[in-house]
Amino acid sequence: MSRPTQTEIEEALTCQCGCGLTVHSCNHLQCPSAIPLKQEIGEQLALDKTHAEVLAHFAGKYGEKVLSAPTTTGFNVVAWVTPFAAPLVAAIVIVVLVRRWRRRGGAGAPEPAAPAGDAADAARRARLRAELERFEG
């Protein structure tokens, strides 16, 4: 296995100054976090540690929050799975709902009946016809 580079480790760790960037990408001049972390990374690499060993050292010292990517163990698996599972679950729910709605409102659904006219309605229509005939001619 090849020895990790300083840049690889810096990209794998999050700067603790609050910028939200990796140690390598931190753009704060004289950053109180990135500068000492870079020195400590160099010291760890000088001890000929592997990539995993260096990351384990920093995770042990600062907690998992220092890692720029969550580990793939324990509850952190959710952080890896959720971005892929959520859209898939949403798509399945949408397909199921659309199929149900189509079944309810689809072919075979009875048309609403036209309201039946009563005697008063028939009388109004007859009077309207008579008035239209008188008006036209």
Protein backbone atom coordinates (compact mmCIF):
# COMPACT_ATOMS: atom_id res chain seq x y z
CA MET A 1 0.00 0.00 0.00
CA SER A 2 1.33 3.41 -0.93
CA ARG A 3 2.12 5.96 1.73
CA PRO A 4 -0.50 8.74 1.99
CA THR A 5 0.48 12.25 1.00
CA GLN A 6 0.12 15.38 3.10
CA THR A 7 -2.53 16.70 0.69
CA GLU A 8 -4.61 13.50 0.88
CA ILE A 9 -4.76 13.69 4.65
CA GLU A 10 -5.45 17.44 4.62
CA GLU A 11 -8.40 16.84 2.26
CA ALA A 12 -9.73 14.09 4.53
CA LEU A 13 -9.88 16.40 7.58
CA THR A 14 -12.22 19.34 8.23
CA CYS A 15 -10.69 22.57 9.48
CA GLN A 16 -11.84 23.33 13.02
CA CYS A 17 -11.91 27.13 12.64
CA GLY A 18 -15.56 27.04 11.57
CA CYS A 19 -15.04 27.72 7.87
CA GLY A 20 -16.48 24.32 6.91
CA LEU A 21 -13.66 23.63 4.46
CA THR A 22 -11.03 20.93 4.55
CA VAL A 23 -7.68 21.64 6.19
CA HIS A 24 -6.13 21.82 2.72
CA SER A 25 -8.78 24.24 1.38
CA CYS A 26 -9.08 26.58 4.38
CA ASN A 27 -8.63 30.10 3.05
CA HIS A 28 -8.17 31.97 6.34
CA LEU A 29 -4.82 33.67 6.60
CA GLN A 30 -3.00 32.59 9.75
CA CYS A 31 -5.80 30.12 10.53
CA PRO A 32 -5.52 29.05 14.19
CA SER A 33 -6.71 25.55 13.27
CA ALA A 34 -5.36 24.67 9.81
CA ILE A 35 -1.74 25.64 10.45
CA PRO A 36 -1.28 23.44 13.56
CA LEU A 37 -3.27 20.61 11.94
CA LYS A 38 -1.00 20.67 8.89
CA GLN A 39 2.05 20.46 11.16
CA GLU A 40 0.52 17.59 13.10
CA ILE A 41 -0.32 15.77 9.86
CA GLY A 42 3.32 16.09 8.84
CA GLU A 43 4.40 14.65 12.19
CA GLN A 44 2.02 11.70 11.83
CA LEU A 45 3.26 10.99 8.31
CA ALA A 46 6.87 11.18 9.55
CA LEU A 47 5.98 8.29 11.90
CA ASP A 48 5.19 6.31 8.71
CA LYS A 49 1.52 5.85 9.61
CA THR A 50 -1.07 4.71 7.07
CA HIS A 51 -3.96 6.83 5.88
CA ALA A 52 -6.38 5.03 8.22
CA GLU A 53 -4.03 5.33 11.18
CA VAL A 54 -3.60 9.09 10.71
CA LEU A 55 -7.35 9.61 10.41
CA ALA A 56 -7.93 7.43 13.48
CA HIS A 57 -5.43 9.57 15.41
CA PHE A 58 -7.29 12.79 14.55
CA ALA A 59 -10.73 11.23 15.12
CA GLY A 60 -9.56 10.08 18.54
CA LYS A 61 -8.22 13.52 19.39
CA TYR A 62 -11.01 15.73 17.96
CA GLY A 63 -13.91 13.32 17.50
CA GLU A 64 -15.48 12.18 14.24
CA LYS A 65 -16.44 15.78 13.41
CA VAL A 66 -12.86 16.34 12.19
CA LEU A 67 -13.34 13.83 9.36
CA SER A 68 -14.49 15.45 6.12
CA ALA A 69 -16.51 12.33 5.23
CA PRO A 70 -18.48 10.25 7.72
CA THR A 71 -17.22 6.77 8.48
CA THR A 72 -19.14 3.83 7.07
CA THR A 73 -19.82 2.23 10.43
CA GLY A 74 -22.63 2.47 12.94
CA PHE A 75 -25.19 5.24 12.62
CA ASN A 76 -23.02 7.06 10.04
CA VAL A 77 -24.24 4.58 7.44
CA VAL A 78 -27.44 6.67 7.41
CA ALA A 79 -25.42 9.66 6.16
CA TRP A 80 -24.23 7.58 3.23
CA VAL A 81 -27.55 5.89 2.42
CA THR A 82 -30.06 8.73 2.90
CA PRO A 83 -29.11 10.85 -0.16
CA PHE A 84 -29.76 7.84 -2.40
CA ALA A 85 -32.66 6.25 -0.52
CA ALA A 86 -34.78 9.39 -0.01
CA PRO A 87 -35.37 10.13 -3.74
CA LEU A 88 -36.00 6.43 -4.39
CA VAL A 89 -38.60 6.22 -1.61
CA ALA A 90 -40.20 9.47 -2.82
CA ALA A 91 -40.45 8.13 -6.38
CA ILE A 92 -42.08 4.91 -5.16
CA VAL A 93 -44.61 6.86 -3.07
CA ILE A 94 -45.46 9.08 -6.05
CA VAL A 95 -45.97 6.09 -8.36
CA VAL A 96 -48.24 4.35 -5.83
CA LEU A 97 -50.31 7.51 -5.24
CA VAL A 98 -50.70 8.24 -8.97
CA ARG A 99 -51.89 4.67 -9.60
CA ARG A 100 -54.46 4.94 -6.78
CA TRP A 101 -55.73 8.29 -8.05
CA ARG A 102 -56.08 6.94 -11.57
CA ARG A 103 -58.06 3.94 -10.32
CA ARG A 104 -60.47 6.18 -8.42
CA GLY A 105 -61.04 8.70 -11.19
CA GLY A 106 -60.34 6.50 -14.20
CA ALA A 107 -62.57 4.63 -16.68
CA GLY A 108 -65.75 3.18 -15.31
CA ALA A 109 -66.41 6.02 -12.91
CA PRO A 110 -70.02 7.13 -13.29
CA GLU A 111 -70.65 10.60 -14.65
CA PRO A 112 -72.56 12.85 -12.28
CA ALA A 113 -76.25 12.87 -13.21
CA ALA A 114 -77.75 16.06 -14.56
CA PRO A 115 -80.12 17.58 -12.05
CA ALA A 116 -83.70 16.68 -12.79
CA GLY A 117 -85.95 19.65 -13.48
CA ASP A 118 -89.05 20.11 -11.41
CA ALA A 119 -92.45 21.48 -12.45
CA ALA A 120 -91.43 25.07 -11.68
CA ASP A 121 -88.40 24.69 -13.96
CA ALA A 122 -90.60 23.42 -16.80
CA ALA A 123 -92.96 26.39 -16.35
CA ARG A 124 -90.05 28.84 -16.48
CA ARG A 125 -88.76 27.27 -19.69
CA ALA A 126 -92.18 27.50 -21.32
CA ARG A 127 -92.52 31.15 -20.33
CA LEU A 128 -88.98 31.87 -21.68
CA ARG A 129 -89.85 30.20 -25.01
CA ALA A 130 -93.03 32.25 -25.27
CA GLU A 131 -91.22 35.52 -24.58
CA LEU A 132 -88.48 34.71 -27.10
CA GLU A 133 -91.10 33.95 -29.77
CA ARG A 134 -92.93 37.21 -29.02
CA PHE A 135 -89.63 39.16 -29.12
CA GLU A 136 -88.50 37.61 -32.41
CA GLY A 137 -91.55 38.12 -34.18
